[in-house]
Amino acid sequence: MSIDAVRTEEHLSDVTGSVYQLADRARRASRVLKRANRDWKDRALLAIAAGIHENRSKIFLENKKDLEAGQANGTSVAMLDRLKLDDKRVDGLVSALHELAGLPDPVGRVVRGETLPNGLRMRQINVPMGVIGTIYEARPNVTVDIAGLSLKSGNAVLLRGGTAALHSNQVLVSIIRDALESVSLPRDLVTSIDQFGREGADAMMGARGKIDVLIPRGGRDLIQRVVTTAKVPVIETGEGNVHIFLDSSAEEQMAIDILMNAKTQRPSVCNTVETLLIHKDSKVASPVLKALSDAGVTLHVDARAAALVPDLKTVPAQDEDWRVEYMDMDLAVKVVDDIDEALDHIRQYSTGHTEAIVTSSLAAAELFIAEIESAAVIVNASTRFTDGGQLGLGAEVGISTQKMHARGPMGLTELTTTKWIVQGDGHVRK
C-alpha cells in the first residue's frame, strides 16, 4: 500500500472515530432530554426562536458568504433560491418554532391501550427515536426545522448540511446550541458534522447502533446514495415529480389560480408542479397555458398541447420531460383523452410525492383520490400545500415518499417510534 493510501485510510479512520464520538455525546444528551417535560422543551424552542430573531444580521452576513460562493461556483438559480435567507424566511423560521412550541408533545401519547381479559393492562405509547442523523444540501432552513422538531419529539440530532450552506449552518447551529444551554439543556442535542465534509456523511451512514435513523433531504443523487449505501435505517424522502390533472369540468379562474401558485410561487421546491395533464375536452386549457407563459414559464408541450396555443412560444416535449424535476420555471404539458389516461401517466412517471386534480366533478375527484398512490393527493388546491407548516405540523423534516410509518410531510409524530407497556399484578403465563 502506498504512503498516500495509508494516509487516506488513517484520515478516514480519524473522521469515523470523531463522528462516532459526537454520536455518543448526542446519545448521552438525548437521555437528559427524556427527563424534560413539555414546558422545558417549549422553553428551549422559544429560546432558539429568540436567538435567531436577535441575530438575524449575523445570519444574513454568513448567508451572504454562501450565496457569493455559490454564484462564483456557477450554482443554479434554483439552488441559490433554496440557499437564500432573508427577513421573510427568517420570520418564517421564528414563526415555525413558536408554532412547534404550541403543539402537543407527542412523547407519551397513547396509541392504543386496553385491559386484557386476564387483567393485564396494556398500552402502546409514542417514544423518541433517540439519535437522528440528517444529510441535506443547500437548505439552511432545514437546520432550524429539524433541530426544533427533534427537540420537541425528544431526540438528539446530528446534522450534515453540505458545503454550499456551510457558513449559514455554522451560525445557526451556534445560535441553537447557545439557546439550549440557556435553558439548561445539553448543547450536544444539536451537533453539526459539516467540518468533516463528505467523509463525515459516509461515517454517519455507517454508524449503525450509534445513529437510530438517517433522513436524507435533497436531490435524487444525494437521496439514492444514502438509500443504497447506509447501514443505518433510512427514512427516504423523494424528489417531487408533481402532477396536476386539469379535468374537463375545471373552472377557468380556479385552474389559473392553482396552476400559477403551484408553478410560480416558489419553483425551486419539491412541491411545485412539474407536469400538467389536460383533458382533451377542457375549455380552459388555453387561458391557463397563456397565463403561465405570460408569467415566464417555459412550456414543454406535446403536439396536442401545442395546437391549443399556436400563438405562444413553446418547446416540444421530449421523453425525459415527463420524468424531470425541473425545480425551475419550466412545465411539461400533455393532453390526455380522459382521466384514466391521466392516471396511467401518473403511475408511470410519479415519484410518489404529490398529485392534484382540478375538477368540478365529485365522481372524478373520488376516482382520482382512490387511484393515486402518492403520499399526498390534492383536490382543487395548489400542490404547494404539501408542507408541514401548511398542514399544521409546525415544520417538517422532509416529505417521505416511501410506504412506511412516516409518509408525506414528517412532523413530530413521525420522529417518534412506539413501545409497549404491560402492567400486571403478579401475572404469570399459563
Protein backbone atom coordinates (compact mmCIF):
# COMPACT_ATOMS: atom_id res chain seq x y z
CA MET A 1 0.00 0.00 0.00
CA SER A 2 1.31 3.44 -0.94
CA ILE A 3 2.06 6.14 1.63
CA ASP A 4 -0.81 8.27 0.24
CA ALA A 5 -3.21 5.34 0.57
CA VAL A 6 -2.12 4.74 4.16
CA ARG A 7 -2.61 8.42 4.99
CA THR A 8 -6.06 8.40 3.38
CA GLU A 9 -7.07 5.33 5.37
CA GLU A 10 -5.82 6.91 8.60
CA HIS A 11 -7.72 10.12 7.81
CA LEU A 12 -10.96 8.23 7.19
CA SER A 13 -10.45 6.30 10.39
CA ASP A 14 -9.98 9.54 12.32
CA VAL A 15 -13.13 11.04 10.78
CA THR A 16 -15.18 7.95 11.56
CA GLY A 17 -13.92 7.92 15.14
CA SER A 18 -14.72 11.62 15.57
CA VAL A 19 -18.25 11.25 14.19
CA TYR A 20 -18.88 8.23 16.40
CA GLN A 21 -17.73 10.24 19.43
CA LEU A 22 -20.16 13.02 18.56
CA ALA A 23 -22.94 10.44 18.15
CA ASP A 24 -22.12 9.03 21.59
CA ARG A 25 -22.29 12.53 23.09
CA ALA A 26 -25.61 13.06 21.34
CA ARG A 27 -26.87 9.78 22.84
CA ARG A 28 -25.95 10.93 26.34
CA ALA A 29 -27.65 14.27 25.71
CA SER A 30 -30.81 12.51 24.50
CA ARG A 31 -31.05 10.74 27.85
CA VAL A 32 -31.22 14.13 29.59
CA LEU A 33 -33.94 15.21 27.17
CA LYS A 34 -36.03 12.16 28.15
CA ARG A 35 -36.45 13.78 31.54
CA ALA A 36 -37.62 17.09 30.10
CA ASN A 37 -41.32 17.80 30.25
CA ARG A 38 -43.20 19.72 27.58
CA ASP A 39 -42.67 23.08 29.28
CA TRP A 40 -38.90 22.62 29.34
CA LYS A 41 -38.76 21.64 25.69
CA ASP A 42 -41.02 24.52 24.70
CA ARG A 43 -38.80 26.99 26.55
CA ALA A 44 -35.88 25.68 24.50
CA LEU A 45 -37.80 26.21 21.26
CA LEU A 46 -38.72 29.77 22.23
CA ALA A 47 -35.10 30.47 23.23
CA ILE A 48 -33.95 29.29 19.80
CA ALA A 49 -36.59 31.47 18.13
CA ALA A 50 -35.42 34.49 20.12
CA GLY A 51 -31.78 33.78 19.31
CA ILE A 52 -32.49 33.58 15.58
CA HIS A 53 -34.59 36.74 15.64
CA GLU A 54 -31.98 38.72 17.58
CA ASN A 55 -29.05 37.51 15.48
CA ARG A 56 -30.56 37.85 12.03
CA SER A 57 -27.98 40.39 10.90
CA LYS A 58 -25.22 37.90 11.74
CA ILE A 59 -27.17 35.17 9.94
CA PHE A 60 -27.53 37.32 6.81
CA LEU A 61 -23.83 38.12 6.83
CA GLU A 62 -22.88 34.41 6.89
CA ASN A 63 -25.58 33.52 4.38
CA LYS A 64 -24.20 36.18 2.01
CA LYS A 65 -20.85 34.37 2.06
CA ASP A 66 -22.56 31.16 0.95
CA LEU A 67 -24.54 32.93 -1.78
CA GLU A 68 -21.43 34.66 -3.14
CA ALA A 69 -19.52 31.37 -3.15
CA GLY A 70 -22.43 29.69 -4.90
CA GLN A 71 -22.60 32.34 -7.60
CA ALA A 72 -18.84 32.11 -8.15
CA ASN A 73 -19.13 28.32 -8.50
CA GLY A 74 -21.95 28.53 -11.03
CA THR A 75 -24.64 27.22 -8.69
CA SER A 76 -28.07 27.05 -10.34
CA VAL A 77 -30.69 29.71 -9.74
CA ALA A 78 -32.96 27.11 -8.12
CA MET A 79 -30.23 26.04 -5.69
CA LEU A 80 -29.39 29.65 -4.83
CA ASP A 81 -33.05 30.29 -4.08
CA ARG A 82 -33.14 27.38 -1.62
CA LEU A 83 -29.92 28.64 -0.07
CA LYS A 84 -31.05 32.23 0.44
CA LEU A 85 -32.18 33.57 3.81
CA ASP A 86 -33.95 36.93 4.04
CA ASP A 87 -36.20 38.65 6.58
CA LYS A 88 -39.31 36.87 5.33
CA ARG A 89 -37.71 33.43 5.56
CA VAL A 90 -36.18 34.10 8.96
CA ASP A 91 -39.58 35.33 10.15
CA GLY A 92 -40.95 32.02 8.87
CA LEU A 93 -38.39 30.06 10.88
CA VAL A 94 -39.18 32.01 14.05
CA SER A 95 -42.92 31.56 13.47
CA ALA A 96 -42.49 27.81 12.91
CA LEU A 97 -40.61 27.46 16.20
CA HIS A 98 -43.37 29.30 18.04
CA GLU A 99 -45.94 27.07 16.36
CA LEU A 100 -43.97 23.97 17.39
CA ALA A 101 -43.97 25.20 20.97
CA GLY A 102 -47.74 25.43 20.80
CA LEU A 103 -48.24 21.87 19.56
CA PRO A 104 -48.93 18.92 21.89
CA ASP A 105 -45.93 16.85 22.96
CA PRO A 106 -46.04 13.54 21.06
CA VAL A 107 -43.91 11.71 23.64
CA GLY A 108 -46.02 9.51 25.90
CA ARG A 109 -49.12 9.77 23.71
CA VAL A 110 -51.15 6.54 23.94
CA VAL A 111 -51.56 4.99 20.50
CA ARG A 112 -53.81 2.25 21.85
CA GLY A 113 -54.47 0.55 25.15
CA GLU A 114 -56.80 -1.80 26.92
CA THR A 115 -57.17 -4.11 29.87
CA LEU A 116 -56.92 -7.69 28.67
CA PRO A 117 -59.33 -10.42 29.83
CA ASN A 118 -56.65 -11.75 32.20
CA GLY A 119 -56.34 -8.36 33.89
CA LEU A 120 -53.06 -7.23 32.28
CA ARG A 121 -53.07 -3.52 31.45
CA MET A 122 -51.54 -2.86 28.04
CA ARG A 123 -50.55 0.42 26.37
CA GLN A 124 -48.62 1.31 23.24
CA ILE A 125 -47.08 4.79 23.51
CA ASN A 126 -45.01 7.15 21.36
CA VAL A 127 -41.35 7.43 22.41
CA PRO A 128 -38.35 9.24 20.88
CA MET A 129 -36.18 7.58 18.25
CA GLY A 130 -33.06 8.59 20.20
CA VAL A 131 -30.38 9.95 17.85
CA ILE A 132 -31.41 11.15 14.41
CA GLY A 133 -28.97 11.83 11.58
CA THR A 134 -29.79 14.11 8.67
CA ILE A 135 -27.93 14.69 5.41
CA TYR A 136 -29.16 17.58 3.29
CA GLU A 137 -27.85 20.22 0.92
CA ALA A 138 -28.16 23.98 0.46
CA ARG A 139 -31.13 24.28 2.80
CA PRO A 140 -30.23 26.28 5.92
CA ASN A 141 -33.90 26.42 6.89
CA VAL A 142 -33.77 22.63 7.36
CA THR A 143 -31.14 23.13 10.06
CA VAL A 144 -33.67 25.02 12.18
CA ASP A 145 -36.70 22.93 11.25
CA ILE A 146 -35.16 19.58 12.10
CA ALA A 147 -33.48 20.89 15.25
CA GLY A 148 -36.84 22.15 16.51
CA LEU A 149 -38.74 19.01 15.55
CA SER A 150 -36.09 16.75 17.04
CA LEU A 151 -36.10 18.61 20.37
CA LYS A 152 -39.87 18.62 20.71
CA SER A 153 -40.05 14.90 19.87
CA GLY A 154 -37.32 14.11 22.42
CA ASN A 155 -34.45 13.34 20.05
CA ALA A 156 -30.85 14.45 19.63
CA VAL A 157 -29.74 15.19 16.06
CA LEU A 158 -26.55 15.12 14.01
CA LEU A 159 -26.60 17.50 11.03
CA ARG A 160 -24.69 17.29 7.75
CA GLY A 161 -25.84 20.36 5.87
CA GLY A 162 -23.36 20.42 3.00
CA THR A 163 -20.64 22.75 1.80
CA ALA A 164 -22.96 25.09 -0.08
CA ALA A 165 -24.58 26.31 3.17
CA LEU A 166 -21.52 25.92 5.40
CA HIS A 167 -21.41 29.45 6.84
CA SER A 168 -25.19 29.72 7.23
CA ASN A 169 -25.40 26.39 9.04
CA GLN A 170 -22.46 27.16 11.31
CA VAL A 171 -24.03 30.34 12.66
CA LEU A 172 -27.47 28.72 13.02
CA VAL A 173 -26.12 25.70 14.90
CA SER A 174 -24.12 28.01 17.18
CA ILE A 175 -27.27 30.01 17.99
CA ILE A 176 -29.26 26.84 18.63
CA ARG A 177 -26.63 25.34 20.94
CA ASP A 178 -26.34 28.60 22.91
CA ALA A 179 -30.12 28.66 23.30
CA LEU A 180 -30.15 25.08 24.59
CA GLU A 181 -27.53 25.93 27.17
CA SER A 182 -29.52 28.98 28.26
CA VAL A 183 -32.37 26.69 29.40
CA SER A 184 -30.03 24.10 30.97
CA LEU A 185 -30.27 21.51 28.22
CA PRO A 186 -27.14 19.87 26.73
CA ARG A 187 -25.56 21.61 23.74
CA ASP A 188 -24.90 18.19 22.24
CA LEU A 189 -28.59 17.73 21.47
CA VAL A 190 -27.85 19.52 18.18
CA THR A 191 -24.50 18.86 16.53
CA SER A 192 -23.08 19.66 13.10
CA ILE A 193 -20.58 17.37 11.40
CA ASP A 194 -20.02 19.69 8.43
CA GLN A 195 -16.39 20.13 9.45
CA PHE A 196 -15.72 16.55 8.30
CA GLY A 197 -17.03 17.07 4.78
CA ARG A 198 -18.25 14.19 2.67
CA GLU A 199 -16.26 11.71 4.77
CA GLY A 200 -18.39 12.76 7.73
CA ALA A 201 -21.55 11.89 5.81
CA ASP A 202 -20.04 8.49 4.96
CA ALA A 203 -19.29 7.93 8.64
CA MET A 204 -22.88 8.75 9.55
CA MET A 205 -24.17 6.27 7.00
CA GLY A 206 -22.07 3.54 8.59
CA ALA A 207 -22.92 4.41 12.20
CA ARG A 208 -25.41 1.62 12.80
CA GLY A 209 -26.01 1.39 16.54
CA LYS A 210 -24.75 4.94 17.04
CA ILE A 211 -27.48 6.66 15.00
CA ASP A 212 -31.03 5.28 15.15
CA VAL A 213 -32.40 6.63 11.88
CA LEU A 214 -30.99 8.62 8.97
CA ILE A 215 -33.06 11.10 6.94
CA PRO A 216 -31.65 12.40 3.64
CA ARG A 217 -33.14 15.50 2.06
CA GLY A 218 -32.09 16.91 -1.28
CA GLY A 219 -31.76 15.93 -4.91
CA ARG A 220 -32.19 12.47 -6.35
CA ASP A 221 -28.45 11.70 -6.42
CA LEU A 222 -27.98 12.50 -2.73
CA ILE A 223 -31.05 10.57 -1.63
CA GLN A 224 -30.23 7.48 -3.68
CA ARG A 225 -26.65 7.49 -2.45
CA VAL A 226 -27.85 7.43 1.15
CA VAL A 227 -30.55 4.82 0.49
CA THR A 228 -28.19 2.43 -1.30
CA THR A 229 -25.14 2.98 0.94
CA ALA A 230 -26.33 3.46 4.51
CA LYS A 231 -26.16 0.73 7.12
CA VAL A 232 -28.30 2.89 9.39
CA PRO A 233 -32.09 2.59 8.85
CA VAL A 234 -33.21 5.29 6.39
CA ILE A 235 -36.47 7.20 6.00
CA GLU A 236 -36.42 8.06 2.32
CA THR A 237 -37.53 11.49 1.22
CA GLY A 238 -38.05 11.61 -2.53
CA GLU A 239 -37.89 14.02 -5.37
CA GLY A 240 -41.10 15.70 -6.40
CA ASN A 241 -42.18 15.00 -9.98
CA VAL A 242 -45.56 16.52 -9.12
CA HIS A 243 -48.58 16.34 -11.45
CA ILE A 244 -51.78 18.34 -11.81
CA PHE A 245 -54.65 16.94 -13.88
CA LEU A 246 -56.91 19.60 -15.41
CA ASP A 247 -60.25 17.85 -15.80
CA SER A 248 -62.77 18.78 -18.48
CA SER A 249 -65.06 20.28 -15.82
CA ALA A 250 -62.43 22.55 -14.25
CA GLU A 251 -63.41 26.21 -13.80
CA GLU A 252 -61.19 28.74 -15.55
CA GLN A 253 -60.26 31.12 -12.73
CA MET A 254 -59.73 28.32 -10.24
CA ALA A 255 -57.48 26.48 -12.70
CA ILE A 256 -55.43 29.61 -13.43
CA ASP A 257 -55.04 30.48 -9.74
CA ILE A 258 -53.99 26.96 -8.77
CA LEU A 259 -51.53 26.44 -11.65
CA MET A 260 -49.95 29.86 -11.20
CA ASN A 261 -49.46 29.27 -7.48
CA ALA A 262 -48.24 25.69 -7.89
CA LYS A 263 -45.68 26.61 -10.55
CA THR A 264 -44.57 30.20 -9.99
CA GLN A 265 -44.79 30.98 -6.26
CA ARG A 266 -41.53 29.16 -5.47
CA PRO A 267 -40.49 26.87 -8.33
CA SER A 268 -37.28 25.65 -6.64
CA VAL A 269 -39.03 23.46 -4.04
CA CYS A 270 -40.21 19.87 -4.25
CA ASN A 271 -43.95 20.57 -4.04
CA THR A 272 -44.04 22.75 -7.15
CA VAL A 273 -45.91 21.23 -10.10
CA GLU A 274 -43.70 19.82 -12.87
CA THR A 275 -46.25 18.22 -15.24
CA LEU A 276 -49.69 19.44 -16.29
CA LEU A 277 -52.07 16.86 -17.78
CA ILE A 278 -55.04 18.39 -19.65
CA HIS A 279 -58.29 16.61 -20.54
CA LYS A 280 -58.84 16.87 -24.31
CA ASP A 281 -62.29 18.43 -23.73
CA SER A 282 -61.04 21.15 -21.39
CA LYS A 283 -62.45 24.60 -22.24
CA VAL A 284 -59.94 26.44 -20.05
CA ALA A 285 -56.62 24.97 -21.22
CA SER A 286 -55.69 27.87 -23.49
CA PRO A 287 -56.13 30.67 -20.91
CA VAL A 288 -54.32 28.57 -18.30
CA LEU A 289 -51.33 28.00 -20.57
CA LYS A 290 -51.32 31.65 -21.65
CA ALA A 291 -51.26 32.81 -18.01
CA LEU A 292 -48.33 30.51 -17.27
CA SER A 293 -46.43 31.62 -20.36
CA ASP A 294 -47.04 35.30 -19.59
CA ALA A 295 -45.60 34.67 -16.11
CA GLY A 296 -42.36 33.44 -17.65
CA VAL A 297 -42.93 29.68 -17.52
CA THR A 298 -41.34 27.71 -20.36
CA LEU A 299 -43.92 25.20 -21.60
CA HIS A 300 -42.59 21.83 -22.80
CA VAL A 301 -45.63 20.66 -24.77
CA ASP A 302 -46.71 17.59 -26.69
CA ALA A 303 -48.24 18.02 -30.14
CA ARG A 304 -51.83 18.28 -28.96
CA ALA A 305 -50.97 20.83 -26.28
CA ALA A 306 -49.02 22.88 -28.83
CA ALA A 307 -52.13 23.03 -31.02
CA LEU A 308 -54.08 24.62 -28.16
CA VAL A 309 -51.76 27.64 -28.05
CA PRO A 310 -50.32 28.14 -31.55
CA ASP A 311 -49.50 31.79 -30.82
CA LEU A 312 -47.42 31.08 -27.70
CA LYS A 313 -43.73 30.34 -27.67
CA THR A 314 -43.35 26.73 -26.51
CA VAL A 315 -40.77 23.94 -26.56
CA PRO A 316 -41.53 20.45 -27.95
CA ALA A 317 -41.65 17.95 -25.09
CA GLN A 318 -39.11 15.14 -25.10
CA ASP A 319 -39.47 11.77 -23.37
CA GLU A 320 -37.26 12.91 -20.48
CA ASP A 321 -39.57 15.88 -19.79
CA TRP A 322 -42.14 13.52 -18.25
CA ARG A 323 -39.53 12.34 -15.71
CA VAL A 324 -37.64 15.50 -14.83
CA GLU A 325 -37.98 17.52 -11.64
CA TYR A 326 -37.25 20.96 -13.12
CA MET A 327 -37.35 22.97 -9.87
CA ASP A 328 -37.41 25.98 -12.13
CA MET A 329 -39.80 27.98 -14.34
CA ASP A 330 -40.43 25.03 -16.67
CA LEU A 331 -43.53 22.88 -17.03
CA ALA A 332 -44.20 19.73 -19.06
CA VAL A 333 -47.68 19.75 -20.64
CA LYS A 334 -49.60 16.83 -22.14
CA VAL A 335 -53.16 16.43 -23.43
CA VAL A 336 -54.88 13.17 -22.44
CA ASP A 337 -58.10 11.58 -23.66
CA ASP A 338 -59.63 11.02 -20.22
CA ILE A 339 -58.92 10.64 -16.51
CA ASP A 340 -57.83 7.03 -16.99
CA GLU A 341 -55.04 8.11 -19.34
CA ALA A 342 -54.02 10.77 -16.82
CA LEU A 343 -53.89 8.15 -14.06
CA ASP A 344 -51.82 5.82 -16.27
CA HIS A 345 -49.35 8.63 -16.99
CA ILE A 346 -49.01 9.47 -13.31
CA ARG A 347 -48.49 5.79 -12.38
CA GLN A 348 -45.67 5.59 -14.91
CA TYR A 349 -43.82 8.80 -14.04
CA SER A 350 -44.78 9.78 -10.49
CA THR A 351 -42.17 9.83 -7.73
CA GLY A 352 -44.90 9.31 -5.13
CA HIS A 353 -44.81 12.85 -3.74
CA THR A 354 -47.97 14.84 -4.59
CA GLU A 355 -50.63 14.73 -7.31
CA ALA A 356 -53.58 17.09 -7.72
CA ILE A 357 -56.79 17.32 -9.73
CA VAL A 358 -58.73 20.45 -10.66
CA THR A 359 -62.35 19.47 -11.29
CA SER A 360 -66.00 20.27 -10.64
CA SER A 361 -66.92 16.59 -10.81
CA LEU A 362 -67.29 14.76 -7.49
CA ALA A 363 -67.02 11.43 -9.30
CA ALA A 364 -63.73 12.45 -10.95
CA ALA A 365 -62.34 13.68 -7.65
CA GLU A 366 -63.25 10.48 -5.82
CA LEU A 367 -61.76 8.31 -8.59
CA PHE A 368 -58.54 10.35 -8.52
CA ILE A 369 -58.30 10.03 -4.72
CA ALA A 370 -58.91 6.28 -4.84
CA GLU A 371 -56.48 5.51 -7.66
CA ILE A 372 -53.49 7.75 -6.85
CA GLU A 373 -50.88 6.08 -4.60
CA SER A 374 -48.73 9.11 -3.85
CA ALA A 375 -48.12 10.37 -0.31
CA ALA A 376 -50.40 13.39 -0.86
CA VAL A 377 -53.48 13.74 -3.07
CA ILE A 378 -54.97 17.21 -3.50
CA VAL A 379 -58.35 18.24 -4.92
CA ASN A 380 -58.91 21.79 -6.14
CA ALA A 381 -55.95 23.32 -4.33
CA SER A 382 -52.31 24.09 -5.03
CA THR A 383 -49.68 21.38 -4.61
CA ARG A 384 -47.74 23.90 -2.52
CA PHE A 385 -49.84 22.82 0.46
CA THR A 386 -47.84 19.59 0.80
CA ASP A 387 -45.79 21.21 3.52
CA GLY A 388 -45.51 20.54 7.23
CA GLY A 389 -46.13 24.14 8.23
CA GLN A 390 -49.16 24.46 5.94
CA LEU A 391 -50.68 21.24 7.28
CA GLY A 392 -50.37 22.30 10.90
CA LEU A 393 -47.30 20.21 11.76
CA GLY A 394 -45.25 23.26 12.77
CA ALA A 395 -42.49 22.34 10.33
CA GLU A 396 -41.20 19.22 8.59
CA VAL A 397 -38.03 17.18 8.41
CA GLY A 398 -38.83 16.26 4.83
CA ILE A 399 -41.55 14.66 2.74
CA SER A 400 -41.39 10.89 2.78
CA THR A 401 -42.39 9.14 -0.43
CA GLN A 402 -41.98 5.60 0.88
CA LYS A 403 -44.81 3.44 2.19
CA MET A 404 -43.60 3.16 5.78
CA HIS A 405 -44.87 4.60 9.07
CA ALA A 406 -43.65 8.06 8.05
CA ARG A 407 -45.30 9.19 4.81
CA GLY A 408 -45.77 12.65 3.38
CA PRO A 409 -44.66 15.67 5.45
CA MET A 410 -42.82 14.35 8.51
CA GLY A 411 -43.58 16.25 11.68
CA LEU A 412 -43.35 15.45 15.37
CA THR A 413 -45.14 12.10 15.43
CA GLU A 414 -43.07 10.80 12.52
CA LEU A 415 -39.90 11.35 14.57
CA THR A 416 -41.13 9.01 17.27
CA THR A 417 -41.43 5.25 17.44
CA THR A 418 -43.52 3.22 19.88
CA LYS A 419 -43.04 0.86 22.77
CA TRP A 420 -45.39 -1.43 24.64
CA ILE A 421 -46.08 -1.01 28.35
CA VAL A 422 -47.57 -4.08 30.03
CA GLN A 423 -48.54 -3.85 33.72
CA GLY A 424 -49.73 -6.70 35.86
CA ASP A 425 -50.30 -7.79 39.45
CA GLY A 426 -48.01 -10.79 39.66
CA HIS A 427 -49.33 -12.30 36.43
CA VAL A 428 -47.59 -15.41 35.05
CA ARG A 429 -48.27 -17.03 31.72
CA LYS A 430 -50.01 -20.38 31.80
